Amino acid sequence: MTHLRTGLLAALLLAPSLGHAADWTVDPAKSRIGFSGEQVGAPFSGRFERFEARISLDPAKPETGQATVLVDLASARTGDVQRDEALPQKDWFDVKTQAMARFESTRIAATGPGAYEAVGTLTIRGQSRAVTLPFRLDLTGDAAHAVGHVDLVRTDFGIGQGPWASGQWVALKVGIDIDLVASRMPGT
């Protein structure tokens, strides 16, 4: 099972194109932070229904960008009732102890035309790890669309306790996918 999306990861979203620092507003209705994995050999995917992102980026200097993404772990949905009921519980996200996943960028770097990496720290269940999220960014006027993917090991974040920790039933590797639509805030 996984998380983060994301977030983990809306942060990655915005990179250069304008000529000055800009703040960006992510449109949650048009955006998605998803996750994928395998349970007893069968692939599954899901998404986080609630997240928020604060993003500020100087297009001329993407490495100075600032982004914070908060993901409500209790909002994880896969379409499987049993899995969806288990995810918020103590063995998985333990939302009673810490309900939010947090990604905080330390820098955003251009890696090629339309390609970037958001480098930062992802914290889930009190476990923090460095994460680099590669993403593609398309800018059209004051609109931005970012799509990215990163693979994580869920046990690095304490996700999947007890009999779930071995990877026998649920694979240790999980994917986090972002598909974010944002607009530049007026006056930035």
N, C-alpha and C. Protein backbone atom coordinates (compact mmCIF):
# COMPACT_ATOMS: atom_id res chain seq x y z
N MET A 1 0.86 -1.15 0.00
CA MET A 1 0.00 0.00 0.00
C MET A 1 0.90 1.20 0.00
N THR A 2 0.35 2.28 -0.38
CA THR A 2 1.22 3.44 -0.34
C THR A 2 0.49 4.72 -0.18
N HIS A 3 1.12 5.68 -0.38
CA HIS A 3 0.81 6.97 0.11
C HIS A 3 1.23 8.09 -0.79
N LEU A 4 1.87 8.69 -0.33
CA LEU A 4 2.42 9.87 -0.70
C LEU A 4 2.36 10.47 -1.61
N ARG A 5 2.05 10.45 -1.79
CA ARG A 5 1.90 11.23 -2.89
C ARG A 5 2.46 12.52 -2.79
N THR A 6 2.75 11.43 -2.34
CA THR A 6 2.59 12.31 -2.51
C THR A 6 2.63 12.60 -2.02
N GLY A 7 2.80 12.27 -1.44
CA GLY A 7 2.80 13.06 -1.80
C GLY A 7 3.43 12.85 -1.43
N LEU A 8 2.98 13.29 -1.48
CA LEU A 8 4.05 13.41 -1.83
C LEU A 8 4.36 14.16 -2.80
N LEU A 9 3.74 14.94 -3.27
CA LEU A 9 4.52 15.22 -4.41
C LEU A 9 3.96 16.30 -5.30
N ALA A 10 2.96 16.90 -5.05
CA ALA A 10 2.48 18.05 -5.80
C ALA A 10 3.56 19.10 -5.87
N ALA A 11 4.42 19.05 -4.93
CA ALA A 11 5.48 20.02 -4.86
C ALA A 11 6.26 20.14 -6.13
N LEU A 12 6.44 19.08 -6.74
CA LEU A 12 7.27 19.00 -7.91
C LEU A 12 6.75 19.86 -8.98
N LEU A 13 5.55 20.06 -8.86
CA LEU A 13 4.75 20.65 -9.86
C LEU A 13 5.41 21.73 -10.68
N LEU A 14 5.70 22.81 -10.12
CA LEU A 14 5.93 23.94 -10.97
C LEU A 14 7.36 24.31 -11.15
N ALA A 15 7.68 24.54 -12.33
CA ALA A 15 8.99 24.99 -12.66
C ALA A 15 8.88 26.07 -13.69
N PRO A 16 9.98 26.52 -14.16
CA PRO A 16 10.23 27.74 -14.89
C PRO A 16 9.41 28.01 -16.14
N SER A 17 9.29 29.28 -16.35
CA SER A 17 8.81 29.76 -17.62
C SER A 17 8.51 31.23 -17.59
N LEU A 18 8.15 31.76 -16.48
CA LEU A 18 7.87 33.17 -16.42
C LEU A 18 9.18 33.89 -16.13
N GLY A 19 9.15 35.12 -15.73
CA GLY A 19 10.39 35.81 -15.50
C GLY A 19 10.59 36.24 -14.06
N HIS A 20 9.70 35.91 -13.18
CA HIS A 20 9.83 36.30 -11.79
C HIS A 20 9.22 35.23 -10.90
N ALA A 21 9.45 35.39 -9.59
CA ALA A 21 8.92 34.41 -8.65
C ALA A 21 7.40 34.34 -8.78
N ALA A 22 6.86 33.16 -8.70
CA ALA A 22 5.41 33.00 -8.83
C ALA A 22 4.92 32.01 -7.80
N ASP A 23 3.75 32.29 -7.28
CA ASP A 23 3.05 31.34 -6.43
C ASP A 23 2.01 30.65 -7.30
N TRP A 24 1.82 29.36 -7.04
CA TRP A 24 0.92 28.55 -7.86
C TRP A 24 -0.17 27.93 -6.99
N THR A 25 -1.37 27.83 -7.57
CA THR A 25 -2.50 27.21 -6.89
C THR A 25 -2.85 25.92 -7.63
N VAL A 26 -2.78 24.80 -6.92
CA VAL A 26 -3.12 23.50 -7.48
C VAL A 26 -4.63 23.34 -7.46
N ASP A 27 -5.19 22.89 -8.56
CA ASP A 27 -6.63 22.64 -8.66
C ASP A 27 -6.88 21.17 -8.31
N PRO A 28 -7.35 20.89 -7.07
CA PRO A 28 -7.54 19.49 -6.67
C PRO A 28 -8.58 18.74 -7.50
N ALA A 29 -9.55 19.45 -8.08
CA ALA A 29 -10.57 18.79 -8.90
C ALA A 29 -10.00 18.26 -10.21
N LYS A 30 -8.90 18.86 -10.68
CA LYS A 30 -8.29 18.45 -11.94
C LYS A 30 -6.98 17.70 -11.71
N SER A 31 -6.60 17.54 -10.46
CA SER A 31 -5.32 16.94 -10.12
C SER A 31 -5.51 15.60 -9.42
N ARG A 32 -4.43 14.82 -9.41
CA ARG A 32 -4.52 13.48 -8.81
C ARG A 32 -3.17 13.10 -8.22
N ILE A 33 -3.21 12.57 -7.02
CA ILE A 33 -2.03 11.93 -6.44
C ILE A 33 -2.43 10.48 -6.23
N GLY A 34 -1.76 9.58 -6.93
CA GLY A 34 -2.13 8.18 -6.90
C GLY A 34 -1.01 7.30 -6.40
N PHE A 35 -1.32 6.05 -6.17
CA PHE A 35 -0.33 5.08 -5.73
C PHE A 35 -0.67 3.73 -6.34
N SER A 36 0.33 2.86 -6.41
CA SER A 36 0.12 1.53 -6.97
C SER A 36 1.04 0.54 -6.26
N GLY A 37 0.65 -0.71 -6.30
CA GLY A 37 1.44 -1.77 -5.69
C GLY A 37 0.92 -3.13 -6.12
N GLU A 38 1.36 -4.16 -5.41
CA GLU A 38 0.89 -5.52 -5.68
C GLU A 38 0.50 -6.18 -4.37
N GLN A 39 -0.62 -6.89 -4.39
CA GLN A 39 -1.06 -7.67 -3.25
C GLN A 39 -1.26 -9.10 -3.72
N VAL A 40 -0.57 -10.03 -3.10
CA VAL A 40 -0.52 -11.43 -3.50
C VAL A 40 -0.38 -11.57 -5.02
N GLY A 41 0.55 -10.81 -5.57
CA GLY A 41 0.88 -10.89 -6.99
C GLY A 41 -0.03 -10.14 -7.93
N ALA A 42 -1.14 -9.61 -7.43
CA ALA A 42 -2.08 -8.89 -8.29
C ALA A 42 -1.87 -7.38 -8.13
N PRO A 43 -1.71 -6.67 -9.24
CA PRO A 43 -1.53 -5.21 -9.15
C PRO A 43 -2.80 -4.52 -8.67
N PHE A 44 -2.62 -3.42 -7.95
CA PHE A 44 -3.74 -2.57 -7.55
C PHE A 44 -3.27 -1.13 -7.62
N SER A 45 -4.23 -0.23 -7.69
CA SER A 45 -3.90 1.19 -7.68
C SER A 45 -4.96 1.93 -6.87
N GLY A 46 -4.62 3.13 -6.48
CA GLY A 46 -5.54 3.95 -5.71
C GLY A 46 -5.14 5.40 -5.81
N ARG A 47 -5.82 6.22 -5.02
CA ARG A 47 -5.54 7.64 -5.03
C ARG A 47 -5.85 8.22 -3.65
N PHE A 48 -5.33 9.40 -3.42
CA PHE A 48 -5.65 10.15 -2.22
C PHE A 48 -6.65 11.22 -2.62
N GLU A 49 -7.80 11.20 -1.97
CA GLU A 49 -8.87 12.13 -2.34
C GLU A 49 -8.64 13.54 -1.83
N ARG A 50 -7.82 13.70 -0.76
CA ARG A 50 -7.61 15.02 -0.20
C ARG A 50 -6.12 15.31 -0.03
N PHE A 51 -5.69 16.44 -0.58
CA PHE A 51 -4.31 16.91 -0.41
C PHE A 51 -4.30 18.40 -0.68
N GLU A 52 -3.25 19.07 -0.23
CA GLU A 52 -3.07 20.48 -0.51
C GLU A 52 -1.59 20.74 -0.76
N ALA A 53 -1.34 21.78 -1.55
CA ALA A 53 0.05 22.10 -1.89
C ALA A 53 0.25 23.61 -1.87
N ARG A 54 1.39 24.02 -1.33
CA ARG A 54 1.83 25.42 -1.38
C ARG A 54 3.11 25.44 -2.20
N ILE A 55 3.06 26.14 -3.33
CA ILE A 55 4.19 26.13 -4.25
C ILE A 55 4.56 27.55 -4.64
N SER A 56 5.84 27.85 -4.52
CA SER A 56 6.38 29.13 -4.97
C SER A 56 7.63 28.81 -5.78
N LEU A 57 7.74 29.43 -6.95
CA LEU A 57 8.84 29.07 -7.84
C LEU A 57 9.31 30.26 -8.64
N ASP A 58 10.60 30.44 -8.67
CA ASP A 58 11.22 31.45 -9.52
C ASP A 58 11.61 30.73 -10.81
N PRO A 59 10.89 30.97 -11.90
CA PRO A 59 11.14 30.25 -13.14
C PRO A 59 12.57 30.40 -13.67
N ALA A 60 13.19 31.51 -13.38
CA ALA A 60 14.57 31.70 -13.84
C ALA A 60 15.56 30.88 -13.02
N LYS A 61 15.15 30.48 -11.83
CA LYS A 61 16.01 29.71 -10.93
C LYS A 61 15.18 28.62 -10.25
N PRO A 62 14.86 27.55 -10.96
CA PRO A 62 14.01 26.52 -10.38
C PRO A 62 14.58 25.91 -9.10
N GLU A 63 15.91 25.91 -8.98
CA GLU A 63 16.53 25.30 -7.80
C GLU A 63 16.18 26.04 -6.50
N THR A 64 15.66 27.25 -6.60
CA THR A 64 15.27 27.98 -5.39
C THR A 64 13.79 27.81 -5.07
N GLY A 65 13.10 26.97 -5.82
CA GLY A 65 11.68 26.76 -5.60
C GLY A 65 11.38 26.19 -4.22
N GLN A 66 10.23 26.53 -3.72
CA GLN A 66 9.75 26.05 -2.43
C GLN A 66 8.40 25.37 -2.62
N ALA A 67 8.24 24.19 -2.06
CA ALA A 67 6.95 23.51 -2.17
C ALA A 67 6.72 22.65 -0.94
N THR A 68 5.50 22.69 -0.47
CA THR A 68 5.08 21.83 0.63
C THR A 68 3.76 21.18 0.22
N VAL A 69 3.71 19.87 0.33
CA VAL A 69 2.51 19.12 -0.02
C VAL A 69 2.08 18.31 1.20
N LEU A 70 0.82 18.45 1.57
CA LEU A 70 0.24 17.68 2.67
C LEU A 70 -0.83 16.76 2.10
N VAL A 71 -0.75 15.49 2.47
CA VAL A 71 -1.69 14.49 1.97
C VAL A 71 -2.43 13.89 3.14
N ASP A 72 -3.75 13.88 3.07
CA ASP A 72 -4.59 13.26 4.09
C ASP A 72 -4.60 11.75 3.84
N LEU A 73 -3.86 11.01 4.67
CA LEU A 73 -3.72 9.57 4.48
C LEU A 73 -5.04 8.82 4.64
N ALA A 74 -5.96 9.37 5.43
CA ALA A 74 -7.26 8.72 5.61
C ALA A 74 -8.10 8.78 4.34
N SER A 75 -7.68 9.58 3.37
CA SER A 75 -8.46 9.72 2.13
C SER A 75 -8.02 8.73 1.05
N ALA A 76 -7.16 7.75 1.39
CA ALA A 76 -6.70 6.76 0.41
C ALA A 76 -7.86 5.87 -0.02
N ARG A 77 -8.03 5.71 -1.33
CA ARG A 77 -9.10 4.87 -1.88
C ARG A 77 -8.53 4.02 -3.00
N THR A 78 -8.90 2.73 -2.97
CA THR A 78 -8.47 1.80 -4.03
C THR A 78 -9.66 1.15 -4.74
N GLY A 79 -10.86 1.31 -4.19
CA GLY A 79 -12.03 0.66 -4.78
C GLY A 79 -12.28 -0.72 -4.20
N ASP A 80 -11.41 -1.18 -3.31
CA ASP A 80 -11.59 -2.47 -2.63
C ASP A 80 -11.93 -2.16 -1.17
N VAL A 81 -13.12 -2.52 -0.73
CA VAL A 81 -13.61 -2.16 0.60
C VAL A 81 -12.67 -2.65 1.70
N GLN A 82 -12.24 -3.89 1.64
CA GLN A 82 -11.37 -4.44 2.67
C GLN A 82 -10.04 -3.68 2.74
N ARG A 83 -9.43 -3.43 1.60
CA ARG A 83 -8.16 -2.70 1.56
C ARG A 83 -8.36 -1.27 2.06
N ASP A 84 -9.43 -0.61 1.61
CA ASP A 84 -9.68 0.78 2.00
C ASP A 84 -9.94 0.91 3.49
N GLU A 85 -10.56 -0.10 4.10
CA GLU A 85 -10.77 -0.07 5.55
C GLU A 85 -9.48 -0.35 6.31
N ALA A 86 -8.58 -1.13 5.73
CA ALA A 86 -7.31 -1.47 6.39
C ALA A 86 -6.29 -0.34 6.33
N LEU A 87 -6.24 0.41 5.25
CA LEU A 87 -5.19 1.42 5.05
C LEU A 87 -5.07 2.43 6.20
N PRO A 88 -6.14 2.97 6.76
CA PRO A 88 -5.98 3.95 7.83
C PRO A 88 -5.56 3.32 9.18
N GLN A 89 -5.62 2.01 9.30
CA GLN A 89 -5.37 1.33 10.57
C GLN A 89 -3.89 1.34 10.96
N LYS A 90 -3.64 0.92 12.19
CA LYS A 90 -2.30 0.98 12.79
C LYS A 90 -1.22 0.25 11.97
N ASP A 91 -1.54 -0.87 11.36
CA ASP A 91 -0.53 -1.61 10.59
C ASP A 91 -0.10 -0.88 9.32
N TRP A 92 -0.93 0.01 8.83
CA TRP A 92 -0.62 0.68 7.56
C TRP A 92 -0.31 2.15 7.79
N PHE A 93 -1.25 3.08 7.57
CA PHE A 93 -0.96 4.51 7.71
C PHE A 93 -1.06 5.02 9.14
N ASP A 94 -1.75 4.29 10.01
CA ASP A 94 -1.89 4.68 11.42
C ASP A 94 -2.32 6.14 11.55
N VAL A 95 -3.45 6.49 10.93
CA VAL A 95 -3.90 7.87 10.87
C VAL A 95 -4.28 8.45 12.23
N LYS A 96 -4.56 7.59 13.22
CA LYS A 96 -4.86 8.12 14.55
C LYS A 96 -3.62 8.74 15.19
N THR A 97 -2.45 8.26 14.81
CA THR A 97 -1.20 8.81 15.35
C THR A 97 -0.70 9.98 14.51
N GLN A 98 -0.73 9.85 13.21
CA GLN A 98 -0.26 10.91 12.31
C GLN A 98 -1.04 10.81 11.01
N ALA A 99 -1.99 11.72 10.83
CA ALA A 99 -2.94 11.63 9.73
C ALA A 99 -2.42 12.13 8.40
N MET A 100 -1.35 12.90 8.42
CA MET A 100 -0.88 13.54 7.18
C MET A 100 0.50 13.02 6.77
N ALA A 101 0.67 12.87 5.46
CA ALA A 101 2.00 12.68 4.88
C ALA A 101 2.44 14.08 4.45
N ARG A 102 3.74 14.33 4.51
CA ARG A 102 4.25 15.66 4.18
C ARG A 102 5.47 15.54 3.27
N PHE A 103 5.42 16.24 2.15
CA PHE A 103 6.59 16.36 1.29
C PHE A 103 7.01 17.82 1.31
N GLU A 104 8.28 18.05 1.59
CA GLU A 104 8.83 19.40 1.57
C GLU A 104 10.04 19.42 0.66
N SER A 105 9.97 20.26 -0.36
CA SER A 105 11.09 20.31 -1.29
C SER A 105 12.22 21.15 -0.72
N THR A 106 13.43 20.77 -1.11
CA THR A 106 14.59 21.57 -0.78
C THR A 106 15.12 22.26 -2.03
N ARG A 107 14.80 21.68 -3.18
CA ARG A 107 15.14 22.32 -4.45
C ARG A 107 14.41 21.63 -5.59
N ILE A 108 14.28 22.38 -6.67
CA ILE A 108 13.73 21.85 -7.91
C ILE A 108 14.79 22.11 -8.97
N ALA A 109 15.11 21.10 -9.77
CA ALA A 109 16.18 21.23 -10.75
C ALA A 109 15.69 20.84 -12.14
N ALA A 110 16.09 21.61 -13.14
CA ALA A 110 15.81 21.26 -14.53
C ALA A 110 16.77 20.15 -14.93
N THR A 111 16.24 19.12 -15.62
CA THR A 111 17.09 18.00 -16.07
C THR A 111 17.09 17.86 -17.59
N GLY A 112 16.35 18.71 -18.26
CA GLY A 112 16.25 18.69 -19.72
C GLY A 112 15.05 19.51 -20.14
N PRO A 113 14.79 19.63 -21.44
CA PRO A 113 13.63 20.39 -21.91
C PRO A 113 12.32 19.81 -21.36
N GLY A 114 11.63 20.59 -20.54
CA GLY A 114 10.36 20.15 -19.96
C GLY A 114 10.49 19.09 -18.89
N ALA A 115 11.71 18.75 -18.49
CA ALA A 115 11.94 17.70 -17.48
C ALA A 115 12.60 18.30 -16.24
N TYR A 116 12.14 17.85 -15.07
CA TYR A 116 12.62 18.39 -13.81
C TYR A 116 12.68 17.29 -12.76
N GLU A 117 13.30 17.64 -11.65
CA GLU A 117 13.30 16.79 -10.46
C GLU A 117 12.97 17.68 -9.26
N ALA A 118 12.09 17.18 -8.41
CA ALA A 118 11.83 17.83 -7.13
C ALA A 118 12.55 17.00 -6.09
N VAL A 119 13.46 17.64 -5.39
CA VAL A 119 14.25 16.97 -4.36
C VAL A 119 13.76 17.47 -3.01
N GLY A 120 13.50 16.55 -2.09
CA GLY A 120 13.01 16.97 -0.79
C GLY A 120 12.92 15.84 0.19
N THR A 121 12.11 16.06 1.21
CA THR A 121 11.93 15.08 2.28
C THR A 121 10.46 14.69 2.36
N LEU A 122 10.22 13.39 2.37
CA LEU A 122 8.87 12.85 2.53
C LEU A 122 8.79 12.25 3.93
N THR A 123 7.74 12.64 4.66
CA THR A 123 7.54 12.12 6.02
C THR A 123 6.17 11.44 6.09
N ILE A 124 6.19 10.18 6.50
CA ILE A 124 4.97 9.40 6.71
C ILE A 124 5.18 8.60 7.99
N ARG A 125 4.18 8.58 8.87
CA ARG A 125 4.25 7.84 10.13
C ARG A 125 5.48 8.24 10.96
N GLY A 126 5.90 9.49 10.87
CA GLY A 126 7.05 9.96 11.63
C GLY A 126 8.39 9.55 11.05
N GLN A 127 8.40 8.86 9.92
CA GLN A 127 9.63 8.44 9.26
C GLN A 127 9.90 9.37 8.09
N SER A 128 11.06 10.01 8.09
CA SER A 128 11.42 10.94 7.01
C SER A 128 12.53 10.35 6.16
N ARG A 129 12.38 10.50 4.86
CA ARG A 129 13.38 10.01 3.91
C ARG A 129 13.54 11.03 2.78
N ALA A 130 14.76 11.11 2.25
CA ALA A 130 15.00 11.94 1.08
C ALA A 130 14.33 11.28 -0.12
N VAL A 131 13.66 12.10 -0.93
CA VAL A 131 12.97 11.60 -2.12
C VAL A 131 13.26 12.54 -3.27
N THR A 132 13.54 11.96 -4.43
CA THR A 132 13.68 12.74 -5.67
C THR A 132 12.60 12.28 -6.62
N LEU A 133 11.75 13.22 -7.01
CA LEU A 133 10.63 12.92 -7.89
C LEU A 133 10.88 13.54 -9.26
N PRO A 134 11.16 12.71 -10.27
CA PRO A 134 11.27 13.24 -11.63
C PRO A 134 9.87 13.55 -12.18
N PHE A 135 9.74 14.64 -12.93
CA PHE A 135 8.44 14.99 -13.51
C PHE A 135 8.62 15.78 -14.79
N ARG A 136 7.58 15.72 -15.60
CA ARG A 136 7.51 16.51 -16.84
C ARG A 136 6.57 17.67 -16.56
N LEU A 137 6.91 18.83 -17.10
CA LEU A 137 6.11 20.03 -16.86
C LEU A 137 5.78 20.69 -18.19
N ASP A 138 4.50 21.00 -18.35
CA ASP A 138 4.02 21.72 -19.53
C ASP A 138 3.42 23.02 -19.05
N LEU A 139 3.96 24.14 -19.52
CA LEU A 139 3.44 25.47 -19.15
C LEU A 139 2.79 26.11 -20.36
N THR A 140 1.59 26.64 -20.14
CA THR A 140 0.88 27.36 -21.18
C THR A 140 0.31 28.62 -20.53
N GLY A 141 0.96 29.75 -20.77
CA GLY A 141 0.52 30.98 -20.13
C GLY A 141 0.61 30.87 -18.63
N ASP A 142 -0.49 31.08 -17.94
CA ASP A 142 -0.53 31.01 -16.48
C ASP A 142 -0.97 29.63 -15.98
N ALA A 143 -1.00 28.64 -16.86
CA ALA A 143 -1.42 27.28 -16.49
C ALA A 143 -0.23 26.33 -16.55
N ALA A 144 -0.21 25.40 -15.61
CA ALA A 144 0.86 24.40 -15.55
C ALA A 144 0.25 23.02 -15.36
N HIS A 145 0.90 22.03 -16.00
CA HIS A 145 0.48 20.64 -15.85
C HIS A 145 1.75 19.82 -15.62
N ALA A 146 1.83 19.16 -14.47
CA ALA A 146 2.99 18.35 -14.13
C ALA A 146 2.57 16.90 -13.96
N VAL A 147 3.38 15.99 -14.51
CA VAL A 147 3.13 14.55 -14.39
C VAL A 147 4.44 13.90 -13.98
N GLY A 148 4.40 13.10 -12.90
CA GLY A 148 5.61 12.45 -12.44
C GLY A 148 5.34 11.12 -11.77
N HIS A 149 6.42 10.38 -11.56
CA HIS A 149 6.33 9.05 -10.94
C HIS A 149 7.61 8.79 -10.15
N VAL A 150 7.44 8.18 -8.97
CA VAL A 150 8.58 7.75 -8.18
C VAL A 150 8.21 6.43 -7.51
N ASP A 151 9.19 5.55 -7.39
CA ASP A 151 9.00 4.29 -6.66
C ASP A 151 9.60 4.44 -5.27
N LEU A 152 8.91 3.90 -4.27
CA LEU A 152 9.35 3.93 -2.89
C LEU A 152 9.28 2.53 -2.30
N VAL A 153 9.98 2.33 -1.20
CA VAL A 153 9.86 1.10 -0.42
C VAL A 153 9.02 1.45 0.80
N ARG A 154 7.84 0.88 0.89
CA ARG A 154 6.87 1.27 1.92
C ARG A 154 7.39 1.08 3.35
N THR A 155 8.20 0.05 3.57
CA THR A 155 8.70 -0.20 4.92
C THR A 155 9.72 0.84 5.37
N ASP A 156 10.30 1.61 4.43
CA ASP A 156 11.16 2.73 4.82
C ASP A 156 10.38 3.76 5.63
N PHE A 157 9.06 3.76 5.49
CA PHE A 157 8.19 4.70 6.19
C PHE A 157 7.34 4.01 7.26
N GLY A 158 7.65 2.75 7.56
CA GLY A 158 6.90 2.02 8.58
C GLY A 158 5.51 1.60 8.13
N ILE A 159 5.27 1.57 6.84
CA ILE A 159 3.95 1.21 6.32
C ILE A 159 3.92 -0.30 6.07
N GLY A 160 3.00 -0.96 6.76
CA GLY A 160 2.89 -2.41 6.68
C GLY A 160 3.62 -3.05 7.85
N GLN A 161 2.98 -3.08 8.99
CA GLN A 161 3.56 -3.63 10.21
C GLN A 161 3.17 -5.10 10.39
N GLY A 162 3.80 -5.74 11.34
CA GLY A 162 3.46 -7.13 11.68
C GLY A 162 3.63 -8.06 10.49
N PRO A 163 2.60 -8.87 10.19
CA PRO A 163 2.72 -9.85 9.10
C PRO A 163 2.87 -9.20 7.73
N TRP A 164 2.60 -7.90 7.63
CA TRP A 164 2.67 -7.21 6.35
C TRP A 164 4.08 -6.68 6.04
N ALA A 165 4.98 -6.74 7.02
CA ALA A 165 6.30 -6.13 6.87
C ALA A 165 7.23 -6.90 5.93
N SER A 166 6.98 -8.18 5.72
CA SER A 166 7.92 -9.00 4.94
C SER A 166 7.81 -8.83 3.43
N GLY A 167 6.70 -8.37 2.95
CA GLY A 167 6.51 -8.28 1.51
C GLY A 167 5.90 -9.54 0.92
N GLN A 168 5.65 -10.55 1.76
CA GLN A 168 5.07 -11.81 1.29
C GLN A 168 3.66 -11.59 0.72
N TRP A 169 2.86 -10.76 1.38
CA TRP A 169 1.47 -10.57 0.96
C TRP A 169 1.28 -9.30 0.12
N VAL A 170 2.00 -8.26 0.52
CA VAL A 170 1.92 -6.98 -0.19
C VAL A 170 3.35 -6.57 -0.52
N ALA A 171 3.62 -6.33 -1.80
CA ALA A 171 4.97 -5.99 -2.25
C ALA A 171 5.51 -4.77 -1.50
N LEU A 172 6.81 -4.76 -1.27
CA LEU A 172 7.45 -3.65 -0.58
C LEU A 172 7.52 -2.41 -1.47
N LYS A 173 7.71 -2.60 -2.76
CA LYS A 173 7.82 -1.47 -3.69
C LYS A 173 6.43 -0.94 -4.03
N VAL A 174 6.29 0.37 -3.92
CA VAL A 174 5.05 1.03 -4.30
C VAL A 174 5.39 2.20 -5.22
N GLY A 175 4.47 2.53 -6.08
CA GLY A 175 4.66 3.66 -6.98
C GLY A 175 3.78 4.83 -6.54
N ILE A 176 4.31 6.03 -6.70
CA ILE A 176 3.55 7.24 -6.44
C ILE A 176 3.48 8.00 -7.76
N ASP A 177 2.28 8.38 -8.15
CA ASP A 177 2.07 9.11 -9.39
C ASP A 177 1.41 10.45 -9.10
N ILE A 178 1.94 11.48 -9.73
CA ILE A 178 1.30 12.79 -9.61
C ILE A 178 0.83 13.23 -10.99
N ASP A 179 -0.29 13.88 -11.01
CA ASP A 179 -0.83 14.50 -12.21
C ASP A 179 -1.51 15.77 -11.71
N LEU A 180 -0.78 16.89 -11.78
CA LEU A 180 -1.22 18.12 -11.14
C LEU A 180 -1.46 19.22 -12.16
N VAL A 181 -2.56 19.91 -11.96
CA VAL A 181 -2.90 21.07 -12.76
C VAL A 181 -2.91 22.26 -11.82
N ALA A 182 -2.22 23.34 -12.21
CA ALA A 182 -2.14 24.52 -11.36
C ALA A 182 -2.20 25.78 -12.19
N SER A 183 -2.50 26.87 -11.51
CA SER A 183 -2.51 28.17 -12.18
C SER A 183 -1.68 29.16 -11.37
N ARG A 184 -1.05 30.08 -12.09
CA ARG A 184 -0.25 31.10 -11.43
C ARG A 184 -1.17 32.07 -10.73
N MET A 185 -0.86 32.37 -9.49
CA MET A 185 -1.68 33.30 -8.72
C MET A 185 -1.47 34.71 -9.28
N PRO A 186 -2.53 35.46 -9.39
CA PRO A 186 -2.43 36.83 -9.90
C PRO A 186 -1.44 37.66 -9.08
N GLY A 187 -0.70 38.48 -9.77
CA GLY A 187 0.24 39.37 -9.10
C GLY A 187 1.57 38.75 -8.76
N THR A 188 1.78 37.49 -9.15
CA THR A 188 3.09 36.86 -8.85
C THR A 188 3.85 36.59 -10.12
